[in-house]
N, C-alpha and C. Protein backbone atom coordinates (compact mmCIF):
# COMPACT_ATOMS: atom_id res chain seq x y z
N MET A 1 52.52 104.87 118.15
CA MET A 1 53.29 105.25 116.99
C MET A 1 54.77 105.47 117.35
N LYS A 2 54.98 106.07 118.55
CA LYS A 2 56.35 106.31 118.98
C LYS A 2 57.08 105.00 119.23
N ARG A 3 56.37 103.98 119.69
CA ARG A 3 56.99 102.68 119.92
C ARG A 3 57.49 102.06 118.62
N ILE A 4 56.73 102.22 117.57
CA ILE A 4 57.13 101.66 116.26
C ILE A 4 58.41 102.32 115.79
N TYR A 5 58.48 103.66 115.88
CA TYR A 5 59.69 104.37 115.47
C TYR A 5 60.89 103.98 116.33
N LYS A 6 60.65 103.78 117.61
CA LYS A 6 61.72 103.38 118.51
C LYS A 6 62.23 101.99 118.15
N LYS A 7 61.32 101.06 117.85
CA LYS A 7 61.71 99.70 117.47
C LYS A 7 62.47 99.72 116.15
N ILE A 8 61.97 100.47 115.18
CA ILE A 8 62.61 100.54 113.85
C ILE A 8 64.01 101.14 113.98
N SER A 9 64.15 102.21 114.76
CA SER A 9 65.47 102.83 114.90
C SER A 9 66.43 101.90 115.64
N THR A 10 65.94 101.16 116.64
CA THR A 10 66.79 100.22 117.37
C THR A 10 67.25 99.08 116.46
N ILE A 11 66.32 98.52 115.69
CA ILE A 11 66.68 97.44 114.76
C ILE A 11 67.67 97.94 113.72
N THR A 12 67.44 99.13 113.18
CA THR A 12 68.35 99.70 112.18
C THR A 12 69.74 99.89 112.77
N LEU A 13 69.81 100.40 113.99
CA LEU A 13 71.10 100.59 114.64
C LEU A 13 71.84 99.28 114.85
N VAL A 14 71.12 98.25 115.27
CA VAL A 14 71.72 96.93 115.49
C VAL A 14 72.24 96.35 114.17
N VAL A 15 71.46 96.47 113.10
CA VAL A 15 71.87 95.95 111.79
C VAL A 15 73.11 96.68 111.30
N ILE A 16 73.14 98.00 111.43
CA ILE A 16 74.31 98.77 110.99
C ILE A 16 75.54 98.37 111.80
N LEU A 17 75.38 98.21 113.10
CA LEU A 17 76.48 97.80 113.96
C LEU A 17 77.01 96.42 113.58
N MET A 18 76.11 95.48 113.32
CA MET A 18 76.52 94.13 112.92
C MET A 18 77.26 94.15 111.59
N CYS A 19 76.74 94.92 110.65
CA CYS A 19 77.39 94.99 109.33
C CYS A 19 78.78 95.59 109.45
N SER A 20 78.93 96.65 110.23
CA SER A 20 80.25 97.28 110.36
C SER A 20 81.24 96.36 111.06
N LEU A 21 80.79 95.59 112.04
CA LEU A 21 81.68 94.64 112.71
C LEU A 21 82.10 93.51 111.77
N SER A 22 81.17 93.00 110.97
CA SER A 22 81.51 91.91 110.06
C SER A 22 82.47 92.37 108.97
N VAL A 23 82.33 93.60 108.50
CA VAL A 23 83.25 94.13 107.50
C VAL A 23 84.65 94.25 108.09
N GLY A 24 84.76 94.67 109.35
CA GLY A 24 86.06 94.78 110.00
C GLY A 24 86.73 93.44 110.16
N ILE A 25 85.97 92.41 110.47
CA ILE A 25 86.52 91.07 110.64
C ILE A 25 86.98 90.51 109.30
N VAL A 26 86.18 90.67 108.26
CA VAL A 26 86.54 90.14 106.94
C VAL A 26 87.75 90.86 106.38
N SER A 27 87.81 92.19 106.52
CA SER A 27 88.93 92.93 105.95
C SER A 27 90.24 92.61 106.66
N ALA A 28 90.17 92.19 107.92
CA ALA A 28 91.38 91.85 108.64
C ALA A 28 92.02 90.57 108.10
N LEU A 29 91.24 89.70 107.46
CA LEU A 29 91.76 88.42 106.98
C LEU A 29 92.26 88.48 105.53
N ILE A 30 91.97 89.55 104.81
CA ILE A 30 92.38 89.66 103.42
C ILE A 30 93.86 90.04 103.37
N PRO A 31 94.69 89.24 102.71
CA PRO A 31 96.12 89.56 102.61
C PRO A 31 96.36 90.86 101.85
N THR A 32 97.47 91.47 102.13
CA THR A 32 97.87 92.68 101.42
C THR A 32 99.15 92.42 100.65
N ILE A 33 99.37 93.22 99.60
CA ILE A 33 100.61 93.11 98.83
C ILE A 33 101.20 94.51 98.70
N ASN A 34 102.49 94.62 99.02
CA ASN A 34 103.24 95.86 98.81
C ASN A 34 104.18 95.64 97.64
N ILE A 35 104.30 96.66 96.80
CA ILE A 35 105.14 96.58 95.60
C ILE A 35 106.29 97.57 95.74
N ASP A 36 107.50 97.09 95.45
CA ASP A 36 108.69 97.93 95.49
C ASP A 36 109.46 97.79 94.20
N PRO A 37 109.68 98.82 93.41
CA PRO A 37 109.31 100.20 93.63
C PRO A 37 107.81 100.42 93.46
N GLU A 38 107.29 101.48 94.07
CA GLU A 38 105.86 101.76 94.02
C GLU A 38 105.38 102.02 92.60
N SER A 39 106.22 102.65 91.78
CA SER A 39 105.89 102.92 90.38
C SER A 39 106.91 102.23 89.49
N PRO A 40 106.74 100.93 89.24
CA PRO A 40 107.72 100.23 88.40
C PRO A 40 107.65 100.69 86.95
N THR A 41 108.71 100.42 86.22
CA THR A 41 108.77 100.75 84.80
C THR A 41 108.82 99.45 84.00
N PRO A 42 108.50 99.49 82.70
CA PRO A 42 108.62 98.28 81.88
C PRO A 42 110.04 97.73 81.93
N LYS A 43 110.15 96.41 81.91
CA LYS A 43 111.42 95.68 81.90
C LYS A 43 112.24 95.91 83.17
N SER A 44 111.58 96.27 84.29
CA SER A 44 112.29 96.44 85.55
C SER A 44 112.01 95.25 86.46
N THR A 45 112.75 95.16 87.54
CA THR A 45 112.53 94.11 88.53
C THR A 45 111.66 94.68 89.65
N VAL A 46 110.63 93.93 90.00
CA VAL A 46 109.66 94.38 90.99
C VAL A 46 109.64 93.37 92.14
N LYS A 47 109.67 93.88 93.37
CA LYS A 47 109.61 93.02 94.55
C LYS A 47 108.21 93.10 95.15
N PHE A 48 107.60 91.94 95.38
CA PHE A 48 106.27 91.83 95.96
C PHE A 48 106.40 91.27 97.37
N THR A 49 105.81 91.94 98.34
CA THR A 49 105.80 91.47 99.72
C THR A 49 104.35 91.36 100.16
N SER A 50 103.98 90.20 100.68
CA SER A 50 102.60 89.96 101.08
C SER A 50 102.52 89.61 102.56
N GLU A 51 101.50 90.15 103.22
CA GLU A 51 101.22 89.80 104.60
C GLU A 51 99.96 88.95 104.63
N VAL A 52 100.11 87.71 105.08
CA VAL A 52 99.00 86.76 105.14
C VAL A 52 98.78 86.42 106.61
N GLU A 53 97.57 86.70 107.11
CA GLU A 53 97.30 86.51 108.54
C GLU A 53 96.85 85.10 108.91
N ASP A 54 96.53 84.27 107.95
CA ASP A 54 96.05 82.92 108.24
C ASP A 54 97.17 82.10 108.89
N GLN A 55 96.85 81.32 109.91
CA GLN A 55 97.85 80.55 110.64
C GLN A 55 98.23 79.24 109.95
N ASN A 56 97.38 78.73 109.09
CA ASN A 56 97.59 77.41 108.48
C ASN A 56 98.16 77.49 107.07
N VAL A 57 98.99 78.44 106.77
CA VAL A 57 99.50 78.63 105.41
C VAL A 57 100.54 77.56 105.10
N ILE A 58 100.32 76.88 103.98
CA ILE A 58 101.26 75.86 103.50
C ILE A 58 102.14 76.45 102.41
N GLU A 59 101.51 77.21 101.50
CA GLU A 59 102.24 77.77 100.35
C GLU A 59 101.55 79.03 99.89
N VAL A 60 102.33 79.99 99.38
CA VAL A 60 101.79 81.24 98.82
C VAL A 60 102.39 81.42 97.44
N ARG A 61 101.53 81.70 96.46
CA ARG A 61 101.97 81.89 95.08
C ARG A 61 101.38 83.19 94.54
N LEU A 62 102.13 83.86 93.68
CA LEU A 62 101.69 85.11 93.06
C LEU A 62 101.56 84.88 91.57
N LEU A 63 100.37 85.14 91.03
CA LEU A 63 100.16 85.08 89.58
C LEU A 63 100.26 86.51 89.07
N ILE A 64 101.15 86.74 88.11
CA ILE A 64 101.36 88.08 87.59
C ILE A 64 101.33 88.04 86.06
N GLN A 65 100.73 89.07 85.46
CA GLN A 65 100.64 89.13 84.01
C GLN A 65 100.87 90.57 83.57
N GLU A 66 101.65 90.74 82.51
CA GLU A 66 101.92 92.06 81.95
C GLU A 66 100.89 92.37 80.88
N CYS A 67 100.36 93.60 80.90
CA CYS A 67 99.29 93.97 79.96
C CYS A 67 99.57 95.33 79.34
N ASN A 68 98.94 95.57 78.19
CA ASN A 68 99.02 96.84 77.48
C ASN A 68 97.62 97.41 77.40
N ALA A 69 97.39 98.55 78.06
CA ALA A 69 96.06 99.16 78.08
C ALA A 69 95.67 99.73 76.71
N ASN A 70 96.65 100.10 75.89
CA ASN A 70 96.35 100.68 74.57
C ASN A 70 95.77 99.64 73.61
N THR A 71 96.28 98.42 73.69
CA THR A 71 95.80 97.37 72.79
C THR A 71 94.75 96.48 73.45
N GLY A 72 94.70 96.52 74.79
CA GLY A 72 93.77 95.68 75.52
C GLY A 72 94.22 94.22 75.60
N ILE A 73 95.49 93.98 75.35
CA ILE A 73 96.01 92.61 75.31
C ILE A 73 96.97 92.40 76.47
N CYS A 74 96.84 91.24 77.11
CA CYS A 74 97.78 90.83 78.16
C CYS A 74 98.71 89.77 77.58
N HIS A 75 100.00 89.92 77.86
CA HIS A 75 101.00 88.99 77.33
C HIS A 75 100.88 87.63 78.02
N GLU A 76 101.15 86.61 77.28
CA GLU A 76 101.21 85.25 77.82
C GLU A 76 102.67 84.84 77.87
N PRO A 77 103.10 83.98 78.68
CA PRO A 77 102.31 83.30 79.71
C PRO A 77 102.24 84.14 80.98
N ARG A 78 101.25 83.84 81.79
CA ARG A 78 101.17 84.44 83.11
C ARG A 78 102.21 83.76 83.99
N GLU A 79 102.91 84.55 84.76
CA GLU A 79 103.91 83.95 85.65
C GLU A 79 103.25 83.51 86.94
N ASN A 80 103.61 82.31 87.40
CA ASN A 80 103.11 81.75 88.64
C ASN A 80 104.32 81.60 89.56
N LEU A 81 104.54 82.61 90.41
CA LEU A 81 105.74 82.68 91.22
C LEU A 81 105.50 82.20 92.64
N SER A 82 106.40 81.39 93.15
CA SER A 82 106.34 80.95 94.54
C SER A 82 106.90 82.07 95.42
N MET A 83 106.22 82.35 96.53
CA MET A 83 106.67 83.39 97.45
C MET A 83 107.36 82.73 98.64
N SER A 84 108.52 83.26 99.01
CA SER A 84 109.31 82.73 100.12
C SER A 84 108.87 83.37 101.43
N LYS A 85 108.81 82.56 102.47
CA LYS A 85 108.46 83.07 103.79
C LYS A 85 109.68 83.74 104.39
N ILE A 86 109.57 85.05 104.70
CA ILE A 86 110.71 85.77 105.28
C ILE A 86 110.54 86.00 106.78
N SER A 87 109.31 85.96 107.25
CA SER A 87 109.02 86.01 108.69
C SER A 87 107.59 85.50 108.88
N GLU A 88 107.14 85.45 110.11
CA GLU A 88 105.82 84.91 110.39
C GLU A 88 104.74 85.74 109.69
N GLY A 89 104.07 85.13 108.72
CA GLY A 89 102.99 85.79 108.00
C GLY A 89 103.42 86.71 106.88
N VAL A 90 104.71 86.81 106.61
CA VAL A 90 105.22 87.71 105.56
C VAL A 90 105.94 86.88 104.50
N TYR A 91 105.52 87.08 103.24
CA TYR A 91 106.06 86.33 102.11
C TYR A 91 106.56 87.32 101.06
N GLU A 92 107.59 86.89 100.29
CA GLU A 92 108.21 87.80 99.35
C GLU A 92 108.66 87.07 98.09
N THR A 93 108.59 87.78 96.96
CA THR A 93 109.14 87.28 95.70
C THR A 93 109.48 88.47 94.81
N SER A 94 110.28 88.23 93.79
CA SER A 94 110.64 89.27 92.82
C SER A 94 110.31 88.77 91.42
N ALA A 95 109.97 89.71 90.55
CA ALA A 95 109.68 89.38 89.15
C ALA A 95 110.32 90.44 88.27
N THR A 96 110.91 90.00 87.18
CA THR A 96 111.46 90.92 86.19
C THR A 96 110.47 91.02 85.04
N LEU A 97 109.99 92.24 84.78
CA LEU A 97 109.04 92.46 83.70
C LEU A 97 109.77 92.29 82.37
N LYS A 98 109.11 91.63 81.41
CA LYS A 98 109.79 91.21 80.19
C LYS A 98 109.48 92.07 78.96
N PHE A 99 108.35 92.76 78.95
CA PHE A 99 107.90 93.41 77.72
C PHE A 99 108.01 94.93 77.81
N GLU A 100 108.48 95.53 76.72
CA GLU A 100 108.67 96.98 76.64
C GLU A 100 107.34 97.73 76.56
N ASP A 101 106.32 97.11 75.97
CA ASP A 101 105.04 97.80 75.76
C ASP A 101 104.05 97.63 76.91
N THR A 102 104.50 97.11 78.04
CA THR A 102 103.63 96.91 79.20
C THR A 102 103.26 98.26 79.80
N THR A 103 101.95 98.48 80.01
CA THR A 103 101.49 99.71 80.64
C THR A 103 100.98 99.46 82.06
N TYR A 104 100.58 98.21 82.35
CA TYR A 104 100.19 97.86 83.71
C TYR A 104 100.38 96.37 83.92
N ILE A 105 100.45 96.00 85.18
CA ILE A 105 100.51 94.57 85.53
C ILE A 105 99.25 94.26 86.32
N GLN A 106 98.81 93.01 86.21
CA GLN A 106 97.71 92.57 87.06
C GLN A 106 98.16 91.31 87.77
N TYR A 107 97.70 91.17 89.01
CA TYR A 107 98.17 90.05 89.81
C TYR A 107 97.07 89.53 90.71
N SER A 108 97.28 88.30 91.15
CA SER A 108 96.41 87.63 92.12
C SER A 108 97.30 86.88 93.08
N LEU A 109 96.83 86.71 94.29
CA LEU A 109 97.58 86.00 95.32
C LEU A 109 96.83 84.71 95.64
N ASN A 110 97.53 83.58 95.54
CA ASN A 110 96.96 82.27 95.86
C ASN A 110 97.60 81.75 97.13
N VAL A 111 96.75 81.40 98.10
CA VAL A 111 97.24 80.92 99.39
C VAL A 111 96.72 79.51 99.60
N LYS A 112 97.63 78.59 99.87
CA LYS A 112 97.25 77.20 100.13
C LYS A 112 97.27 76.97 101.64
N THR A 113 96.12 76.53 102.15
CA THR A 113 96.00 76.17 103.57
C THR A 113 95.58 74.71 103.65
N GLY A 114 95.32 74.24 104.84
CA GLY A 114 94.87 72.86 105.02
C GLY A 114 93.54 72.59 104.33
N GLU A 115 92.74 73.63 104.11
CA GLU A 115 91.45 73.48 103.44
C GLU A 115 91.56 73.56 101.92
N GLY A 116 92.71 73.93 101.39
CA GLY A 116 92.89 74.04 99.94
C GLY A 116 93.36 75.43 99.53
N TRP A 117 93.28 75.70 98.23
CA TRP A 117 93.75 76.97 97.67
C TRP A 117 92.64 78.01 97.76
N VAL A 118 93.04 79.25 98.11
CA VAL A 118 92.13 80.39 98.13
C VAL A 118 92.81 81.51 97.36
N GLN A 119 92.05 82.15 96.45
CA GLN A 119 92.61 83.24 95.65
C GLN A 119 92.16 84.58 96.21
N TYR A 120 93.11 85.49 96.39
CA TYR A 120 92.84 86.83 96.90
C TYR A 120 93.30 87.85 95.87
N LEU A 121 92.74 89.04 95.95
CA LEU A 121 93.16 90.19 95.14
C LEU A 121 93.14 89.86 93.65
N GLU A 122 92.19 89.07 93.22
CA GLU A 122 92.13 88.61 91.83
C GLU A 122 92.02 89.78 90.86
N GLY A 123 92.94 89.83 89.91
CA GLY A 123 92.90 90.85 88.86
C GLY A 123 93.27 92.24 89.33
N THR A 124 93.96 92.37 90.45
CA THR A 124 94.38 93.69 90.93
C THR A 124 95.36 94.28 89.94
N LYS A 125 95.14 95.55 89.57
CA LYS A 125 95.98 96.21 88.57
C LYS A 125 96.90 97.21 89.22
N LYS A 126 98.10 97.32 88.64
CA LYS A 126 99.08 98.32 89.06
C LYS A 126 99.64 98.96 87.81
N ASP A 127 99.39 100.27 87.64
CA ASP A 127 99.89 100.99 86.47
C ASP A 127 101.40 101.18 86.58
N LEU A 128 102.07 101.10 85.44
CA LEU A 128 103.51 101.30 85.41
C LEU A 128 103.82 102.77 85.19
N ASN A 129 105.02 103.16 85.55
CA ASN A 129 105.49 104.52 85.36
C ASN A 129 106.03 104.63 83.93
N LEU A 130 105.27 105.26 83.06
CA LEU A 130 105.66 105.40 81.65
C LEU A 130 106.13 106.82 81.42
N GLN A 131 107.32 106.98 80.84
CA GLN A 131 107.88 108.30 80.57
C GLN A 131 107.82 108.58 79.08
N ASN A 132 107.19 109.72 78.71
CA ASN A 132 107.21 110.16 77.32
C ASN A 132 108.58 110.78 77.03
N ASN A 133 108.89 110.97 75.77
CA ASN A 133 110.17 111.57 75.39
C ASN A 133 110.36 112.95 75.99
N ASN A 134 109.28 113.75 76.05
CA ASN A 134 109.39 115.09 76.60
C ASN A 134 109.09 115.13 78.10
N GLY A 135 108.81 113.99 78.70
CA GLY A 135 108.56 113.92 80.12
C GLY A 135 107.18 114.40 80.53
N ASN A 136 106.33 114.74 79.57
CA ASN A 136 105.00 115.25 79.86
C ASN A 136 104.00 114.12 79.66
N ASN A 137 103.21 113.81 80.67
CA ASN A 137 102.26 112.70 80.56
C ASN A 137 100.88 113.12 80.11
N THR A 138 100.70 114.39 79.67
CA THR A 138 99.40 114.86 79.21
C THR A 138 99.53 115.47 77.83
N PRO A 139 99.73 114.66 76.80
CA PRO A 139 99.89 115.22 75.46
C PRO A 139 98.61 115.88 74.98
N GLY A 140 98.76 117.02 74.30
CA GLY A 140 97.60 117.73 73.76
C GLY A 140 97.03 118.75 74.72
N PHE A 141 97.47 118.77 75.95
CA PHE A 141 96.94 119.69 76.93
C PHE A 141 97.31 121.13 76.60
N GLU A 142 98.49 121.34 76.01
CA GLU A 142 98.92 122.68 75.65
C GLU A 142 97.97 123.31 74.63
N PHE A 143 97.44 122.50 73.74
CA PHE A 143 96.52 123.00 72.71
C PHE A 143 95.26 123.56 73.36
N ILE A 144 94.75 122.92 74.37
CA ILE A 144 93.56 123.41 75.07
C ILE A 144 93.86 124.74 75.75
N LEU A 145 95.03 124.85 76.38
CA LEU A 145 95.41 126.12 77.01
C LEU A 145 95.54 127.25 75.98
N ALA A 146 96.08 126.94 74.80
CA ALA A 146 96.21 127.96 73.76
C ALA A 146 94.83 128.45 73.30
N ILE A 147 93.88 127.56 73.15
CA ILE A 147 92.53 127.95 72.73
C ILE A 147 91.87 128.82 73.81
N LEU A 148 92.00 128.42 75.06
CA LEU A 148 91.42 129.21 76.15
C LEU A 148 92.04 130.60 76.22
N ALA A 149 93.35 130.68 76.06
CA ALA A 149 94.03 131.98 76.08
C ALA A 149 93.55 132.87 74.94
N THR A 150 93.36 132.30 73.76
CA THR A 150 92.87 133.05 72.60
C THR A 150 91.46 133.57 72.87
N ILE A 151 90.61 132.72 73.42
CA ILE A 151 89.23 133.13 73.72
C ILE A 151 89.21 134.26 74.73
N LEU A 152 90.09 134.25 75.70
CA LEU A 152 90.13 135.30 76.71
C LEU A 152 90.77 136.59 76.19
N ILE A 153 91.70 136.51 75.25
CA ILE A 153 92.40 137.69 74.74
C ILE A 153 91.56 138.44 73.70
N ILE A 154 90.78 137.75 72.89
CA ILE A 154 90.00 138.40 71.81
C ILE A 154 89.09 139.50 72.35
N PRO A 155 88.30 139.30 73.41
CA PRO A 155 87.45 140.41 73.90
C PRO A 155 88.26 141.61 74.39
N ILE A 156 89.42 141.38 74.96
CA ILE A 156 90.25 142.48 75.45
C ILE A 156 90.76 143.31 74.28
N VAL A 157 91.20 142.66 73.19
CA VAL A 157 91.70 143.38 72.02
C VAL A 157 90.58 144.18 71.38
N TYR A 158 89.40 143.63 71.20
CA TYR A 158 88.28 144.34 70.59
C TYR A 158 87.80 145.49 71.47
N LYS A 159 87.87 145.37 72.77
CA LYS A 159 87.45 146.43 73.68
C LYS A 159 88.39 147.63 73.54
N ARG A 160 89.67 147.42 73.38
CA ARG A 160 90.65 148.50 73.23
C ARG A 160 90.49 149.23 71.91
N LYS A 161 90.07 148.56 70.85
CA LYS A 161 89.90 149.18 69.53
C LYS A 161 88.71 150.12 69.52
N ARG A 162 87.72 149.91 70.34
CA ARG A 162 86.52 150.76 70.35
C ARG A 162 86.72 151.98 71.11
């Protein structure tokens, strides 16, 4: 019986080790994108910088689309921007957001190698920095605090009257 447990635990350990190594290898090949500024606003210019580790890169393109979370609609057309190589494995492009009602952008990175086009980060979303007139991003929260304060004060007032 002890042999069976020993075999099962050894096999489980080997499988876990193999899975963790394969995840590390796969994640190392997935390109990354940095956005500057980190919290863009509607109608601003955004710089995208991508690090692509593949050695056989022919072309890198960024598909970007402006969307409104309140209406659930994404504006057309989607921009298909060519990214310029600024150093080995690093590509960059800029985009000016066009719509005032944009609440987030979604983007995908297309990399062309000798084997063809590969799409990464498909549908990745980045929320925009939206400023309300009063600068408060949690409307209605004050009402909840007022109700809680009233609930806490009522027992104190009734206790004093008795």
